[in-house]
Amino acid sequence: EEAKVEIAQLNVREIFNTAVSDLNFLVEDDDLLSFARNPSE
């Protein structure tokens, strides 16, 4: 059961780390930076 819990923990951490990486990717996106500086349609 300890090994099972550790596997579940690794899965959760991997999922959240991936989500955080996706968010950092979007924050650095050029289209987002360009729109934030000079919004246009």
Full PDB file with SEQRES, HELIX, SHEET, SSBOND, CRYST1, ORIGX, SCALE, CONECT and MASTER records, all heavy atoms in Angstrom:
SEQRES   1 A   41  GLU GLU ALA LYS VAL GLU ILE ALA GLN LEU ASN VAL ARG          
SEQRES   2 A   41  GLU ILE PHE ASN THR ALA VAL SER ASP LEU ASN PHE LEU          
SEQRES   3 A   41  VAL GLU ASP ASP ASP LEU LEU SER PHE ALA ARG ASN PRO          
SEQRES   4 A   41  SER GLU                                                      
HELIX    1 AA1 GLU A    2  VAL A   27  1                                  26    
HELIX    2 AA2 ASP A   30  ARG A   37  1                                   8    
CRYST1    1.000    1.000    1.000  90.00  90.00  90.00 P 1           1          
ORIGX1      1.000000  0.000000  0.000000        0.00000                         
ORIGX2      0.000000  1.000000  0.000000        0.00000                         
ORIGX3      0.000000  0.000000  1.000000        0.00000                         
SCALE1      1.000000  0.000000  0.000000        0.00000                         
SCALE2      0.000000  1.000000  0.000000        0.00000                         
SCALE3      0.000000  0.000000  1.000000        0.00000                         
ATOM      1  N   GLU A   1       0.822  -1.213   0.000  1.00  0.00           N  
ATOM      2  CA  GLU A   1       0.000   0.000   0.000  1.00  0.00           C  
ATOM      3  C   GLU A   1       0.854   1.261   0.000  1.00  0.00           C  
ATOM      4  O   GLU A   1       0.498   2.267  -0.605  1.00  0.00           O  
ATOM      5  CB  GLU A   1      -0.930  -0.013   1.218  1.00  0.00           C  
ATOM      6  CG  GLU A   1      -1.954  -1.131   1.195  1.00  0.00           C  
ATOM      7  CD  GLU A   1      -2.811  -1.099  -0.052  1.00  0.00           C  
ATOM      8  OE1 GLU A   1      -3.384  -0.036  -0.365  1.00  0.00           O  
ATOM      9  OE2 GLU A   1      -2.891  -2.139  -0.746  1.00  0.00           O  
ATOM     10  N   GLU A   2       1.993   1.192   0.667  1.00  0.00           N  
ATOM     11  CA  GLU A   2       2.895   2.352   0.648  1.00  0.00           C  
ATOM     12  C   GLU A   2       3.406   2.612  -0.767  1.00  0.00           C  
ATOM     13  O   GLU A   2       3.477   3.771  -1.210  1.00  0.00           O  
ATOM     14  CB  GLU A   2       4.059   2.096   1.607  1.00  0.00           C  
ATOM     15  CG  GLU A   2       4.957   3.305   1.801  1.00  0.00           C  
ATOM     16  CD  GLU A   2       5.972   3.081   2.899  1.00  0.00           C  
ATOM     17  OE1 GLU A   2       5.752   2.218   3.766  1.00  0.00           O  
ATOM     18  OE2 GLU A   2       6.998   3.786   2.888  1.00  0.00           O  
ATOM     19  N   ALA A   3       3.757   1.548  -1.478  1.00  0.00           N  
ATOM     20  CA  ALA A   3       4.199   1.714  -2.869  1.00  0.00           C  
ATOM     21  C   ALA A   3       3.062   2.258  -3.730  1.00  0.00           C  
ATOM     22  O   ALA A   3       3.278   3.112  -4.603  1.00  0.00           O  
ATOM     23  CB  ALA A   3       4.684   0.370  -3.417  1.00  0.00           C  
ATOM     24  N   LYS A   4       1.852   1.791  -3.446  1.00  0.00           N  
ATOM     25  CA  LYS A   4       0.695   2.262  -4.215  1.00  0.00           C  
ATOM     26  C   LYS A   4       0.459   3.753  -3.978  1.00  0.00           C  
ATOM     27  O   LYS A   4       0.194   4.518  -4.919  1.00  0.00           O  
ATOM     28  CB  LYS A   4      -0.528   1.451  -3.798  1.00  0.00           C  
ATOM     29  CG  LYS A   4      -1.751   1.686  -4.656  1.00  0.00           C  
ATOM     30  CD  LYS A   4      -2.966   0.988  -4.062  1.00  0.00           C  
ATOM     31  CE  LYS A   4      -2.737  -0.498  -3.947  1.00  0.00           C  
ATOM     32  NZ  LYS A   4      -3.923  -1.194  -3.415  1.00  0.00           N  
ATOM     33  N   VAL A   5       0.554   4.185  -2.718  1.00  0.00           N  
ATOM     34  CA  VAL A   5       0.361   5.598  -2.392  1.00  0.00           C  
ATOM     35  C   VAL A   5       1.452   6.453  -3.024  1.00  0.00           C  
ATOM     36  O   VAL A   5       1.195   7.557  -3.529  1.00  0.00           O  
ATOM     37  CB  VAL A   5       0.313   5.785  -0.863  1.00  0.00           C  
ATOM     38  CG1 VAL A   5       0.366   7.258  -0.497  1.00  0.00           C  
ATOM     39  CG2 VAL A   5      -0.943   5.158  -0.289  1.00  0.00           C  
ATOM     40  N   GLU A   6       2.671   5.945  -3.013  1.00  0.00           N  
ATOM     41  CA  GLU A   6       3.764   6.701  -3.626  1.00  0.00           C  
ATOM     42  C   GLU A   6       3.565   6.831  -5.135  1.00  0.00           C  
ATOM     43  O   GLU A   6       3.864   7.883  -5.726  1.00  0.00           O  
ATOM     44  CB  GLU A   6       5.094   6.016  -3.317  1.00  0.00           C  
ATOM     45  CG  GLU A   6       5.516   6.155  -1.852  1.00  0.00           C  
ATOM     46  CD  GLU A   6       6.820   5.452  -1.555  1.00  0.00           C  
ATOM     47  OE1 GLU A   6       7.320   4.743  -2.476  1.00  0.00           O  
ATOM     48  OE2 GLU A   6       7.337   5.590  -0.434  1.00  0.00           O  
ATOM     49  N   ILE A   7       3.049   5.772  -5.765  1.00  0.00           N  
ATOM     50  CA  ILE A   7       2.758   5.853  -7.206  1.00  0.00           C  
ATOM     51  C   ILE A   7       1.695   6.912  -7.464  1.00  0.00           C  
ATOM     52  O   ILE A   7       1.806   7.733  -8.386  1.00  0.00           O  
ATOM     53  CB  ILE A   7       2.316   4.489  -7.740  1.00  0.00           C  
ATOM     54  CG1 ILE A   7       3.496   3.509  -7.724  1.00  0.00           C  
ATOM     55  CG2 ILE A   7       1.756   4.609  -9.147  1.00  0.00           C  
ATOM     56  CD1 ILE A   7       3.122   2.097  -8.087  1.00  0.00           C  
ATOM     57  N   ALA A   8       0.639   6.910  -6.634  1.00  0.00           N  
ATOM     58  CA  ALA A   8      -0.413   7.918  -6.784  1.00  0.00           C  
ATOM     59  C   ALA A   8       0.144   9.321  -6.573  1.00  0.00           C  
ATOM     60  O   ALA A   8      -0.218  10.269  -7.296  1.00  0.00           O  
ATOM     61  CB  ALA A   8      -1.547   7.632  -5.794  1.00  0.00           C  
ATOM     62  N   GLN A   9       1.040   9.452  -5.603  1.00  0.00           N  
ATOM     63  CA  GLN A   9       1.652  10.765  -5.355  1.00  0.00           C  
ATOM     64  C   GLN A   9       2.460  11.225  -6.559  1.00  0.00           C  
ATOM     65  O   GLN A   9       2.380  12.397  -6.976  1.00  0.00           O  
ATOM     66  CB  GLN A   9       2.537  10.687  -4.109  1.00  0.00           C  
ATOM     67  CG  GLN A   9       3.247  11.998  -3.794  1.00  0.00           C  
ATOM     68  CD  GLN A   9       4.358  11.818  -2.779  1.00  0.00           C  
ATOM     69  OE1 GLN A   9       5.001  10.773  -2.761  1.00  0.00           O  
ATOM     70  NE2 GLN A   9       4.589  12.813  -1.951  1.00  0.00           N  
ATOM     71  N   LEU A  10       3.239  10.333  -7.142  1.00  0.00           N  
ATOM     72  CA  LEU A  10       4.032  10.689  -8.318  1.00  0.00           C  
ATOM     73  C   LEU A  10       3.124  11.103  -9.471  1.00  0.00           C  
ATOM     74  O   LEU A  10       3.425  12.072 -10.201  1.00  0.00           O  
ATOM     75  CB  LEU A  10       4.918   9.509  -8.726  1.00  0.00           C  
ATOM     76  CG  LEU A  10       6.055   9.159  -7.767  1.00  0.00           C  
ATOM     77  CD1 LEU A  10       6.772   7.898  -8.231  1.00  0.00           C  
ATOM     78  CD2 LEU A  10       7.050  10.312  -7.665  1.00  0.00           C  
ATOM     79  N   ASN A  11       2.011  10.390  -9.644  1.00  0.00           N  
ATOM     80  CA  ASN A  11       1.079  10.760 -10.717  1.00  0.00           C  
ATOM     81  C   ASN A  11       0.495  12.149 -10.488  1.00  0.00           C  
ATOM     82  O   ASN A  11       0.402  12.959 -11.412  1.00  0.00           O  
ATOM     83  CB  ASN A  11      -0.046   9.728 -10.808  1.00  0.00           C  
ATOM     84  CG  ASN A  11       0.436   8.398 -11.360  1.00  0.00           C  
ATOM     85  OD1 ASN A  11       1.429   8.347 -12.083  1.00  0.00           O  
ATOM     86  ND2 ASN A  11      -0.260   7.326 -11.034  1.00  0.00           N  
ATOM     87  N   VAL A  12       0.100  12.429  -9.253  1.00  0.00           N  
ATOM     88  CA  VAL A  12      -0.479  13.740  -8.940  1.00  0.00           C  
ATOM     89  C   VAL A  12       0.560  14.844  -9.163  1.00  0.00           C  
ATOM     90  O   VAL A  12       0.256  15.890  -9.770  1.00  0.00           O  
ATOM     91  CB  VAL A  12      -1.003  13.758  -7.492  1.00  0.00           C  
ATOM     92  CG1 VAL A  12      -1.413  15.175  -7.091  1.00  0.00           C  
ATOM     93  CG2 VAL A  12      -2.183  12.803  -7.345  1.00  0.00           C  
ATOM     94  N   ARG A  13       1.760  14.614  -8.687  1.00  0.00           N  
ATOM     95  CA  ARG A  13       2.803  15.632  -8.865  1.00  0.00           C  
ATOM     96  C   ARG A  13       3.111  15.850 -10.338  1.00  0.00           C  
ATOM     97  O   ARG A  13       3.289  17.003 -10.783  1.00  0.00           O  
ATOM     98  CB  ARG A  13       4.069  15.207  -8.124  1.00  0.00           C  
ATOM     99  CG  ARG A  13       3.977  15.387  -6.613  1.00  0.00           C  
ATOM    100  CD  ARG A  13       5.268  14.986  -5.943  1.00  0.00           C  
ATOM    101  NE  ARG A  13       5.243  15.281  -4.517  1.00  0.00           N  
ATOM    102  CZ  ARG A  13       6.210  14.953  -3.674  1.00  0.00           C  
ATOM    103  NH1 ARG A  13       7.279  14.291  -4.134  1.00  0.00           N  
ATOM    104  NH2 ARG A  13       6.103  15.260  -2.400  1.00  0.00           N  
ATOM    105  N   GLU A  14       3.161  14.761 -11.083  1.00  0.00           N  
ATOM    106  CA  GLU A  14       3.448  14.903 -12.509  1.00  0.00           C  
ATOM    107  C   GLU A  14       2.339  15.679 -13.217  1.00  0.00           C  
ATOM    108  O   GLU A  14       2.610  16.544 -14.064  1.00  0.00           O  
ATOM    109  CB  GLU A  14       3.604  13.510 -13.127  1.00  0.00           C  
ATOM    110  CG  GLU A  14       3.960  13.539 -14.605  1.00  0.00           C  
ATOM    111  CD  GLU A  14       4.136  12.147 -15.184  1.00  0.00           C  
ATOM    112  OE1 GLU A  14       4.018  11.172 -14.420  1.00  0.00           O  
ATOM    113  OE2 GLU A  14       4.379  12.051 -16.400  1.00  0.00           O  
ATOM    114  N   ILE A  15       1.100  15.402 -12.853  1.00  0.00           N  
ATOM    115  CA  ILE A  15      -0.026  16.109 -13.481  1.00  0.00           C  
ATOM    116  C   ILE A  15       0.027  17.587 -13.155  1.00  0.00           C  
ATOM    117  O   ILE A  15      -0.118  18.450 -14.047  1.00  0.00           O  
ATOM    118  CB  ILE A  15      -1.354  15.474 -13.005  1.00  0.00           C  
ATOM    119  CG1 ILE A  15      -1.523  14.086 -13.631  1.00  0.00           C  
ATOM    120  CG2 ILE A  15      -2.536  16.365 -13.358  1.00  0.00           C  
ATOM    121  CD1 ILE A  15      -2.678  13.296 -13.047  1.00  0.00           C  
ATOM    122  N   PHE A  16       0.261  17.926 -11.881  1.00  0.00           N  
ATOM    123  CA  PHE A  16       0.281  19.336 -11.507  1.00  0.00           C  
ATOM    124  C   PHE A  16       1.510  20.047 -12.064  1.00  0.00           C  
ATOM    125  O   PHE A  16       1.433  21.213 -12.469  1.00  0.00           O  
ATOM    126  CB  PHE A  16       0.227  19.483  -9.990  1.00  0.00           C  
ATOM    127  CG  PHE A  16      -1.142  19.241  -9.424  1.00  0.00           C  
ATOM    128  CD1 PHE A  16      -1.307  18.543  -8.250  1.00  0.00           C  
ATOM    129  CD2 PHE A  16      -2.267  19.707 -10.071  1.00  0.00           C  
ATOM    130  CE1 PHE A  16      -2.559  18.315  -7.731  1.00  0.00           C  
ATOM    131  CE2 PHE A  16      -3.540  19.493  -9.555  1.00  0.00           C  
ATOM    132  CZ  PHE A  16      -3.690  18.791  -8.380  1.00  0.00           C  
ATOM    133  N   ASN A  17       2.641  19.359 -12.078  1.00  0.00           N  
ATOM    134  CA  ASN A  17       3.840  19.983 -12.671  1.00  0.00           C  
ATOM    135  C   ASN A  17       3.628  20.262 -14.161  1.00  0.00           C  
ATOM    136  O   ASN A  17       4.058  21.299 -14.675  1.00  0.00           O  
ATOM    137  CB  ASN A  17       5.054  19.069 -12.475  1.00  0.00           C  
ATOM    138  CG  ASN A  17       5.541  19.050 -11.036  1.00  0.00           C  
ATOM    139  OD1 ASN A  17       5.344  20.024 -10.297  1.00  0.00           O  
ATOM    140  ND2 ASN A  17       6.179  17.975 -10.636  1.00  0.00           N  
ATOM    141  N   THR A  18       2.949  19.345 -14.826  1.00  0.00           N  
ATOM    142  CA  THR A  18       2.650  19.556 -16.252  1.00  0.00           C  
ATOM    143  C   THR A  18       1.720  20.749 -16.429  1.00  0.00           C  
ATOM    144  O   THR A  18       1.911  21.580 -17.341  1.00  0.00           O  
ATOM    145  CB  THR A  18       2.016  18.298 -16.852  1.00  0.00           C  
ATOM    146  OG1 THR A  18       2.917  17.198 -16.696  1.00  0.00           O  
ATOM    147  CG2 THR A  18       1.715  18.494 -18.321  1.00  0.00           C  
ATOM    148  N   ALA A  19       0.707  20.850 -15.564  1.00  0.00           N  
ATOM    149  CA  ALA A  19      -0.216  21.982 -15.654  1.00  0.00           C  
ATOM    150  C   ALA A  19       0.495  23.299 -15.403  1.00  0.00           C  
ATOM    151  O   ALA A  19       0.240  24.309 -16.101  1.00  0.00           O  
ATOM    152  CB  ALA A  19      -1.356  21.779 -14.658  1.00  0.00           C  
ATOM    153  N   VAL A  20       1.395  23.321 -14.419  1.00  0.00           N  
ATOM    154  CA  VAL A  20       2.161  24.542 -14.144  1.00  0.00           C  
ATOM    155  C   VAL A  20       3.062  24.889 -15.330  1.00  0.00           C  
ATOM    156  O   VAL A  20       3.200  26.063 -15.715  1.00  0.00           O  
ATOM    157  CB  VAL A  20       2.980  24.365 -12.847  1.00  0.00           C  
ATOM    158  CG1 VAL A  20       3.988  25.507 -12.690  1.00  0.00           C  
ATOM    159  CG2 VAL A  20       2.057  24.304 -11.633  1.00  0.00           C  
ATOM    160  N   SER A  21       3.676  23.875 -15.926  1.00  0.00           N  
ATOM    161  CA  SER A  21       4.515  24.121 -17.107  1.00  0.00           C  
ATOM    162  C   SER A  21       3.675  24.683 -18.255  1.00  0.00           C  
ATOM    163  O   SER A  21       4.127  25.601 -18.985  1.00  0.00           O  
ATOM    164  CB  SER A  21       5.204  22.829 -17.539  1.00  0.00           C  
ATOM    165  OG  SER A  21       6.053  22.340 -16.534  1.00  0.00           O  
ATOM    166  N   ASP A  22       2.453  24.148 -18.432  1.00  0.00           N  
ATOM    167  CA  ASP A  22       1.573  24.685 -19.478  1.00  0.00           C  
ATOM    168  C   ASP A  22       1.238  26.147 -19.220  1.00  0.00           C  
ATOM    169  O   ASP A  22       1.197  26.972 -20.156  1.00  0.00           O  
ATOM    170  CB  ASP A  22       0.291  23.858 -19.546  1.00  0.00           C  
ATOM    171  CG  ASP A  22       0.530  22.451 -20.054  1.00  0.00           C  
ATOM    172  OD1 ASP A  22       1.564  22.229 -20.716  1.00  0.00           O  
ATOM    173  OD2 ASP A  22      -0.303  21.556 -19.787  1.00  0.00           O  
ATOM    174  N   LEU A  23       0.986  26.484 -17.949  1.00  0.00           N  
ATOM    175  CA  LEU A  23       0.670  27.876 -17.620  1.00  0.00           C  
ATOM    176  C   LEU A  23       1.871  28.778 -17.892  1.00  0.00           C  
ATOM    177  O   LEU A  23       1.728  29.880 -18.461  1.00  0.00           O  
ATOM    178  CB  LEU A  23       0.241  27.968 -16.158  1.00  0.00           C  
ATOM    179  CG  LEU A  23      -0.135  29.361 -15.648  1.00  0.00           C  
ATOM    180  CD1 LEU A  23      -1.282  29.951 -16.458  1.00  0.00           C  
ATOM    181  CD2 LEU A  23      -0.492  29.309 -14.169  1.00  0.00           C  
ATOM    182  N   ASN A  24       3.047  28.347 -17.525  1.00  0.00           N  
ATOM    183  CA  ASN A  24       4.256  29.157 -17.795  1.00  0.00           C  
ATOM    184  C   ASN A  24       4.486  29.313 -19.294  1.00  0.00           C  
ATOM    185  O   ASN A  24       4.955  30.364 -19.756  1.00  0.00           O  
ATOM    186  CB  ASN A  24       5.474  28.491 -17.146  1.00  0.00           C  
ATOM    187  CG  ASN A  24       5.446  28.597 -15.628  1.00  0.00           C  
ATOM    188  OD1 ASN A  24       4.925  29.581 -15.087  1.00  0.00           O  
ATOM    189  ND2 ASN A  24       6.011  27.614 -14.951  1.00  0.00           N  
ATOM    190  N   PHE A  25       4.144  28.268 -20.038  1.00  0.00           N  
ATOM    191  CA  PHE A  25       4.277  28.352 -21.492  1.00  0.00           C  
ATOM    192  C   PHE A  25       3.364  29.449 -22.059  1.00  0.00           C  
ATOM    193  O   PHE A  25       3.775  30.257 -22.913  1.00  0.00           O  
ATOM    194  CB  PHE A  25       3.951  27.000 -22.125  1.00  0.00           C  
ATOM    195  CG  PHE A  25       3.835  27.011 -23.610  1.00  0.00           C  
ATOM    196  CD1 PHE A  25       4.973  27.020 -24.410  1.00  0.00           C  
ATOM    197  CD2 PHE A  25       2.582  27.043 -24.222  1.00  0.00           C  
ATOM    198  CE1 PHE A  25       4.859  27.048 -25.799  1.00  0.00           C  
ATOM    199  CE2 PHE A  25       2.473  27.066 -25.607  1.00  0.00           C  
ATOM    200  CZ  PHE A  25       3.613  27.072 -26.399  1.00  0.00           C  
ATOM    201  N   LEU A  26       2.111  29.488 -21.572  1.00  0.00           N  
ATOM    202  CA  LEU A  26       1.186  30.498 -22.066  1.00  0.00           C  
ATOM    203  C   LEU A  26       1.612  31.908 -21.663  1.00  0.00           C  
ATOM    204  O   LEU A  26       1.461  32.866 -22.436  1.00  0.00           O  
ATOM    205  CB  LEU A  26      -0.229  30.224 -21.541  1.00  0.00           C  
ATOM    206  CG  LEU A  26      -0.970  29.038 -22.153  1.00  0.00           C  
ATOM    207  CD1 LEU A  26      -2.356  28.911 -21.545  1.00  0.00           C  
ATOM    208  CD2 LEU A  26      -1.079  29.184 -23.667  1.00  0.00           C  
ATOM    209  N   VAL A  27       2.127  32.062 -20.445  1.00  0.00           N  
ATOM    210  CA  VAL A  27       2.534  33.387 -19.978  1.00  0.00           C  
ATOM    211  C   VAL A  27       3.641  33.958 -20.865  1.00  0.00           C  
ATOM    212  O   VAL A  27       3.749  35.189 -21.050  1.00  0.00           O  
ATOM    213  CB  VAL A  27       2.982  33.311 -18.510  1.00  0.00           C  
ATOM    214  CG1 VAL A  27       3.640  34.616 -18.065  1.00  0.00           C  
ATOM    215  CG2 VAL A  27       1.796  33.001 -17.610  1.00  0.00           C  
ATOM    216  N   GLU A  28       4.453  33.100 -21.446  1.00  0.00           N  
ATOM    217  CA  GLU A  28       5.565  33.553 -22.268  1.00  0.00           C  
ATOM    218  C   GLU A  28       5.229  33.552 -23.764  1.00  0.00           C  
ATOM    219  O   GLU A  28       6.118  33.788 -24.600  1.00  0.00           O  
ATOM    220  CB  GLU A  28       6.780  32.649 -22.011  1.00  0.00           C  
ATOM    221  CG  GLU A  28       7.278  32.714 -20.569  1.00  0.00           C  
ATOM    222  CD  GLU A  28       8.372  31.696 -20.297  1.00  0.00           C  
ATOM    223  OE1 GLU A  28       8.684  30.925 -21.239  1.00  0.00           O  
ATOM    224  OE2 GLU A  28       8.903  31.673 -19.180  1.00  0.00           O  
ATOM    225  N   ASP A  29       3.950  33.270 -24.113  1.00  0.00           N  
ATOM    226  CA  ASP A  29       3.575  33.214 -25.526  1.00  0.00           C  
ATOM    227  C   ASP A  29       3.670  34.606 -26.175  1.00  0.00           C  
ATOM    228  O   ASP A  29       3.232  35.614 -25.583  1.00  0.00           O  
ATOM    229  CB  ASP A  29       2.146  32.676 -25.645  1.00  0.00           C  
ATOM    230  CG  ASP A  29       1.735  32.505 -27.095  1.00  0.00           C  
ATOM    231  OD1 ASP A  29       2.184  31.534 -27.723  1.00  0.00           O  
ATOM    232  OD2 ASP A  29       0.958  33.353 -27.567  1.00  0.00           O  
ATOM    233  N   ASP A  30       4.202  34.668 -27.384  1.00  0.00           N  
ATOM    234  CA  ASP A  30       4.405  35.955 -28.076  1.00  0.00           C  
ATOM    235  C   ASP A  30       3.087  36.634 -28.401  1.00  0.00           C  
ATOM    236  O   ASP A  30       2.965  37.871 -28.308  1.00  0.00           O  
ATOM    237  CB  ASP A  30       5.209  35.738 -29.356  1.00  0.00           C  
ATOM    238  CG  ASP A  30       6.641  35.321 -29.077  1.00  0.00           C  
ATOM    239  OD1 ASP A  30       7.125  35.615 -27.947  1.00  0.00           O  
ATOM    240  OD2 ASP A  30       7.273  34.675 -29.936  1.00  0.00           O  
ATOM    241  N   ASP A  31       2.064  35.843 -28.800  1.00  0.00           N  
ATOM    242  CA  ASP A  31       0.774  36.451 -29.118  1.00  0.00           C  
ATOM    243  C   ASP A  31       0.168  37.123 -27.901  1.00  0.00           C  
ATOM    244  O   ASP A  31      -0.452  38.199 -27.988  1.00  0.00           O  
ATOM    245  CB  ASP A  31      -0.186  35.397 -29.657  1.00  0.00           C  
ATOM    246  CG  ASP A  31       0.228  34.919 -31.051  1.00  0.00           C  
ATOM    247  OD1 ASP A  31       0.895  35.681 -31.776  1.00  0.00           O  
ATOM    248  OD2 ASP A  31      -0.106  33.768 -31.405  1.00  0.00           O  
ATOM    249  N   LEU A  32       0.333  36.483 -26.730  1.00  0.00           N  
ATOM    250  CA  LEU A  32      -0.186  37.076 -25.499  1.00  0.00           C  
ATOM    251  C   LEU A  32       0.573  38.341 -25.146  1.00  0.00           C  
ATOM    252  O   LEU A  32      -0.031  39.367 -24.782  1.00  0.00           O  
ATOM    253  CB  LEU A  32      -0.094  36.056 -24.339  1.00  0.00           C  
ATOM    254  CG  LEU A  32      -0.489  36.575 -22.958  1.00  0.00           C  
ATOM    255  CD1 LEU A  32      -1.951  37.036 -22.937  1.00  0.00           C  
ATOM    256  CD2 LEU A  32      -0.240  35.524 -21.884  1.00  0.00           C  
ATOM    257  N   LEU A  33       1.895  38.304 -25.262  1.00  0.00           N  
ATOM    258  CA  LEU A  33       2.693  39.485 -24.922  1.00  0.00           C  
ATOM    259  C   LEU A  33       2.376  40.644 -25.864  1.00  0.00           C  
ATOM    260  O   LEU A  33       2.260  41.816 -25.444  1.00  0.00           O  
ATOM    261  CB  LEU A  33       4.182  39.133 -24.983  1.00  0.00           C  
ATOM    262  CG  LEU A  33       4.664  38.057 -23.988  1.00  0.00           C  
ATOM    263  CD1 LEU A  33       6.133  37.753 -24.218  1.00  0.00           C  
ATOM    264  CD2 LEU A  33       4.435  38.512 -22.558  1.00  0.00           C  
ATOM    265  N   SER A  34       2.188  40.316 -27.126  1.00  0.00           N  
ATOM    266  CA  SER A  34       1.887  41.365 -28.109  1.00  0.00           C  
ATOM    267  C   SER A  34       0.522  41.988 -27.846  1.00  0.00           C  
ATOM    268  O   SER A  34       0.345  43.210 -27.891  1.00  0.00           O  
ATOM    269  CB  SER A  34       1.941  40.779 -29.519  1.00  0.00           C  
ATOM    270  OG  SER A  34       1.573  41.744 -30.484  1.00  0.00           O  
ATOM    271  N   PHE A  35      -0.480  41.176 -27.549  1.00  0.00           N  
ATOM    272  CA  PHE A  35      -1.822  41.695 -27.282  1.00  0.00           C  
ATOM    273  C   PHE A  35      -1.850  42.506 -25.994  1.00  0.00           C  
ATOM    274  O   PHE A  35      -2.542  43.536 -25.910  1.00  0.00           O  
ATOM    275  CB  PHE A  35      -2.820  40.544 -27.194  1.00  0.00           C  
ATOM    276  CG  PHE A  35      -4.205  40.977 -26.812  1.00  0.00           C  
ATOM    277  CD1 PHE A  35      -5.042  41.570 -27.753  1.00  0.00           C  
ATOM    278  CD2 PHE A  35      -4.666  40.830 -25.506  1.00  0.00           C  
ATOM    279  CE1 PHE A  35      -6.321  41.985 -27.394  1.00  0.00           C  
ATOM    280  CE2 PHE A  35      -5.936  41.249 -25.156  1.00  0.00           C  
ATOM    281  CZ  PHE A  35      -6.778  41.823 -26.102  1.00  0.00           C  
ATOM    282  N   ALA A  36      -1.101  42.061 -24.975  1.00  0.00           N  
ATOM    283  CA  ALA A  36      -1.113  42.782 -23.705  1.00  0.00           C  
ATOM    284  C   ALA A  36      -0.519  44.172 -23.854  1.00  0.00           C  
ATOM    285  O   ALA A  36      -0.995  45.135 -23.252  1.00  0.00           O  
ATOM    286  CB  ALA A  36      -0.350  41.983 -22.647  1.00  0.00           C  
ATOM    287  N   ARG A  37       0.541  44.278 -24.704  1.00  0.00           N  
ATOM    288  CA  ARG A  37       1.165  45.593 -24.874  1.00  0.00           C  
ATOM    289  C   ARG A  37       0.248  46.535 -25.675  1.00  0.00           C  
ATOM    290  O   ARG A  37       0.024  47.682 -25.286  1.00  0.00           O  
ATOM    291  CB  ARG A  37       2.499  45.436 -25.609  1.00  0.00           C  
ATOM    292  CG  ARG A  37       3.615  44.805 -24.804  1.00  0.00           C  
ATOM    293  CD  ARG A  37       4.933  44.997 -25.540  1.00  0.00           C  
ATOM    294  NE  ARG A  37       6.032  44.307 -24.905  1.00  0.00           N  
ATOM    295  CZ  ARG A  37       6.469  43.102 -25.252  1.00  0.00           C  
ATOM    296  NH1 ARG A  37       5.870  42.450 -26.240  1.00  0.00           N  
ATOM    297  NH2 ARG A  37       7.479  42.529 -24.622  1.00  0.00           N  
ATOM    298  N   ASN A  38      -0.263  46.073 -26.798  1.00  0.00           N  
ATOM    299  CA  ASN A  38      -1.068  46.913 -27.699  1.00  0.00           C  
ATOM    300  C   ASN A  38      -2.313  46.146 -28.121  1.00  0.00           C  
ATOM    301  O   ASN A  38      -2.325  45.480 -29.160  1.00  0.00           O  
ATOM    302  CB  ASN A  38      -0.263  47.313 -28.944  1.00  0.00           C  
ATOM    303  CG  ASN A  38       0.981  48.116 -28.592  1.00  0.00           C  
ATOM    304  OD1 ASN A  38       0.893  49.166 -27.970  1.00  0.00           O  
ATOM    305  ND2 ASN A  38       2.144  47.597 -28.986  1.00  0.00           N  
ATOM    306  N   PRO A  39      -3.365  46.171 -27.289  1.00  0.00           N  
ATOM    307  CA  PRO A  39      -4.572  45.420 -27.640  1.00  0.00           C  
ATOM    308  C   PRO A  39      -5.192  45.928 -28.941  1.00  0.00           C  
ATOM    309  O   PRO A  39      -5.291  47.131 -29.177  1.00  0.00           O  
ATOM    310  CB  PRO A  39      -5.505  45.694 -26.455  1.00  0.00           C  
ATOM    311  CG  PRO A  39      -4.615  46.173 -25.354  1.00  0.00           C  
ATOM    312  CD  PRO A  39      -3.487  46.903 -26.006  1.00  0.00           C  
ATOM    313  N   SER A  40      -5.562  44.994 -29.799  1.00  0.00           N  
ATOM    314  CA  SER A  40      -6.263  45.312 -31.044  1.00  0.00           C  
ATOM    315  C   SER A  40      -7.103  44.096 -31.399  1.00  0.00           C  
ATOM    316  O   SER A  40      -6.879  42.981 -30.897  1.00  0.00           O  
ATOM    317  CB  SER A  40      -5.279  45.634 -32.165  1.00  0.00           C  
ATOM    318  OG  SER A  40      -4.531  44.491 -32.521  1.00  0.00           O  
ATOM    319  N   GLU A  41      -8.074  44.305 -32.268  1.00  0.00           N  
ATOM    320  CA  GLU A  41      -8.949  43.205 -32.638  1.00  0.00           C  
ATOM    321  C   GLU A  41      -8.191  42.114 -33.362  1.00  0.00           C  
ATOM    322  O   GLU A  41      -8.438  40.919 -33.157  1.00  0.00           O  
ATOM    323  CB  GLU A  41     -10.100  43.726 -33.504  1.00  0.00           C  
ATOM    324  CG  GLU A  41     -11.203  42.715 -33.720  1.00  0.00           C  
ATOM    325  CD  GLU A  41     -11.862  42.296 -32.421  1.00  0.00           C  
ATOM    326  OE1 GLU A  41     -11.839  43.077 -31.429  1.00  0.00           O  
ATOM    327  OE2 GLU A  41     -12.375  41.170 -32.349  1.00  0.00           O  
TER     328      GLU A  41                                                      
MASTER        0    0    0    2    0    0    0    6  327    1    0    4          
END                                                                             
